Protein backbone atom coordinates (compact mmCIF):
# COMPACT_ATOMS: atom_id res chain seq x y z
CA MET A 1 14.73 -124.07 224.21
CA GLY A 2 12.30 -126.81 222.62
CA LEU A 3 14.71 -130.12 223.02
CA LEU A 4 14.97 -129.72 226.46
CA SER A 5 11.84 -130.91 228.84
CA SER A 6 11.22 -130.71 233.37
CA ASP A 7 11.45 -133.89 234.97
CA GLN A 8 9.42 -134.94 238.26
CA ASP A 9 12.09 -133.54 240.17
CA GLY A 10 12.57 -129.77 238.34
CA GLU A 11 15.50 -130.84 236.25
CA ARG A 12 15.97 -130.76 232.97
CA ALA A 13 16.23 -133.52 230.77
CA LEU A 14 17.04 -133.38 227.03
CA PHE A 15 14.26 -134.56 224.40
CA ALA A 16 15.77 -137.86 222.57
CA ASP A 17 13.04 -138.47 220.26
CA ILE A 18 13.10 -138.32 217.10
CA ASN A 19 10.94 -136.79 214.26
CA VAL A 20 11.09 -139.53 211.33
CA THR A 21 7.58 -137.34 209.36
CA PRO A 22 10.31 -135.81 207.25
CA MET A 23 12.66 -139.56 206.19
CA VAL A 24 8.76 -140.79 205.48
CA ASP A 25 7.90 -137.69 203.12
CA VAL A 26 11.62 -138.08 201.35
CA MET A 27 11.51 -142.06 201.11
CA LEU A 28 7.55 -141.85 199.98
CA VAL A 29 9.15 -139.43 196.77
CA LEU A 30 11.51 -142.02 196.16
CA LEU A 31 8.99 -144.37 195.81
CA ILE A 32 7.22 -142.64 193.82
CA ILE A 33 9.77 -141.78 191.08
CA PHE A 34 11.57 -145.15 190.87
CA MET A 35 7.52 -146.76 190.08
CA VAL A 36 7.44 -144.29 186.93
CA THR A 37 10.81 -144.44 186.09
CA ALA A 38 11.09 -147.81 186.18
CA PRO A 39 9.40 -148.83 183.19
CA PHE A 40 11.59 -146.71 180.61
CA MET A 41 14.23 -148.96 181.96
CA ILE A 42 13.49 -151.69 180.43
CA GLU A 43 15.84 -152.29 177.57
CA THR A 44 15.37 -155.05 174.60
CA ILE A 45 16.52 -156.19 171.74
CA GLY A 46 15.39 -154.03 168.39
CA VAL A 47 13.47 -156.06 166.50
CA ASN A 48 10.31 -155.38 163.75
CA LEU A 49 7.46 -157.62 164.95
CA PRO A 50 4.99 -158.60 162.54
CA LYS A 51 1.49 -157.42 162.70
CA GLY A 52 -1.40 -159.16 163.49
CA ASP A 53 -4.59 -159.52 165.96
CA GLY A 54 -4.09 -161.80 169.15
CA ALA A 55 -4.75 -162.04 172.93
CA MET A 56 -2.54 -159.75 175.18
CA ALA A 57 -0.25 -161.33 177.33
CA GLU A 58 -1.41 -161.40 180.93
CA GLY A 59 0.90 -161.75 184.24
CA ALA A 60 2.02 -160.05 187.62
CA THR A 61 6.04 -160.47 186.89
CA ALA A 62 8.10 -159.73 183.21
CA PRO A 63 7.43 -162.80 181.01
CA LEU A 64 10.75 -164.62 179.54
CA THR A 65 10.83 -163.93 176.20
CA ILE A 66 12.93 -164.77 173.70
CA SER A 67 14.34 -162.41 171.48
CA ILE A 68 15.59 -162.98 167.46
CA ASP A 69 16.86 -160.17 165.82
CA LYS A 70 17.20 -159.68 161.92
CA SER A 71 20.25 -161.37 160.93
CA GLU A 72 18.66 -164.30 163.55
CA GLN A 73 20.73 -164.36 166.40
CA ILE A 74 18.70 -165.76 169.92
CA PHE A 75 18.59 -163.56 172.89
CA ILE A 76 17.86 -163.44 176.86
CA ALA A 77 17.56 -159.98 178.48
CA LYS A 78 20.04 -159.21 175.93
CA GLN A 79 22.10 -162.53 176.75
CA LYS A 80 23.13 -163.67 173.39
CA PHE A 81 22.75 -167.62 173.39
CA ASN A 82 23.12 -170.23 170.26
CA LEU A 83 20.63 -173.57 169.63
CA GLU A 84 22.79 -175.77 172.21
CA GLN A 85 23.12 -172.44 174.96
CA LEU A 86 19.91 -171.86 174.75
CA GLY A 87 17.96 -175.53 175.52
CA ALA A 88 20.60 -175.24 178.57
CA PHE A 89 19.78 -172.76 179.82
CA LEU A 90 15.83 -173.50 179.52
CA SER A 91 16.39 -176.71 181.16
CA GLU A 92 17.40 -174.85 183.79
CA SER A 93 15.05 -172.69 184.44
CA PRO A 94 13.05 -172.69 187.15
CA ARG A 95 10.03 -170.54 185.57
CA LEU A 96 9.41 -173.09 182.78
CA LYS A 97 9.67 -175.10 185.19
CA ASN A 98 7.02 -174.43 187.47
CA GLY A 99 4.57 -174.33 184.06
CA GLU A 100 5.18 -170.93 182.96
CA SER A 101 4.65 -169.23 179.28
CA LEU A 102 7.61 -168.42 177.15
CA TYR A 103 7.03 -165.80 174.60
CA ILE A 104 8.92 -165.41 171.58
CA GLU A 105 9.44 -162.19 169.58
CA ALA A 106 11.03 -162.52 166.04
CA ASP A 107 12.10 -160.30 163.51
CA LYS A 108 9.02 -160.17 160.74
CA ALA A 109 12.50 -160.85 158.26
CA THR A 110 13.80 -164.12 159.48
CA ARG A 111 13.34 -167.58 157.98
CA HIS A 112 10.89 -169.78 159.08
CA GLN A 113 13.48 -171.98 160.00
CA ALA A 114 15.01 -169.98 162.48
CA LEU A 115 11.84 -169.68 164.63
CA MET A 116 11.12 -173.19 164.11
CA SER A 117 14.44 -174.31 165.53
CA VAL A 118 14.61 -172.16 168.48
CA MET A 119 10.77 -173.69 169.49
CA SER A 120 12.07 -176.77 168.95
CA ALA A 121 14.94 -176.34 171.22
CA ALA A 122 12.37 -174.64 173.68
CA TYR A 123 9.77 -177.49 173.75
CA THR A 124 12.60 -180.46 174.07
CA ALA A 125 13.92 -177.79 177.39
CA GLY A 126 10.73 -178.55 179.25
CA ALA A 127 8.60 -175.24 177.22
CA HIS A 128 4.96 -176.82 176.47
CA LYS A 129 3.56 -173.14 176.88
CA ILE A 130 4.84 -171.13 173.94
CA ASN A 131 3.51 -167.62 172.49
CA ILE A 132 4.98 -166.10 169.69
CA ILE A 133 4.75 -162.20 170.40
CA MET A 134 3.39 -159.72 167.25
CA GLU A 135 2.32 -155.93 166.71
CA LYS A 136 -1.21 -155.11 166.63
CA PRO A 137 -2.23 -153.99 163.22
């Protein structure tokens, strides 16, 4: 029998080691699956961005992004805000307190006044690095 081994006295003892290799293999396969599918899980607000030239955003984490749709509604991560709520949320944000950049994506049909109101609320709340997102031509 494969699970039994003999000890010094000739008695048979139970072999109690656990083979973890199959479990590690399964965990690595699951890790790869999650790494491949994670970028597709991110849902965004339907914003039709204007086209233009500019630098690419860089960073280790997903940037803090404010979305303004064509009906001029304001969202952060699919949560709707008005200007007062936005200011309160951003003033409490630890990411802005640490000096991270804030990104704003506004639909190209959005009025300039709506974009400037959001930028003003963000600046008043402590965001000093404000970037506007656009599509490359």
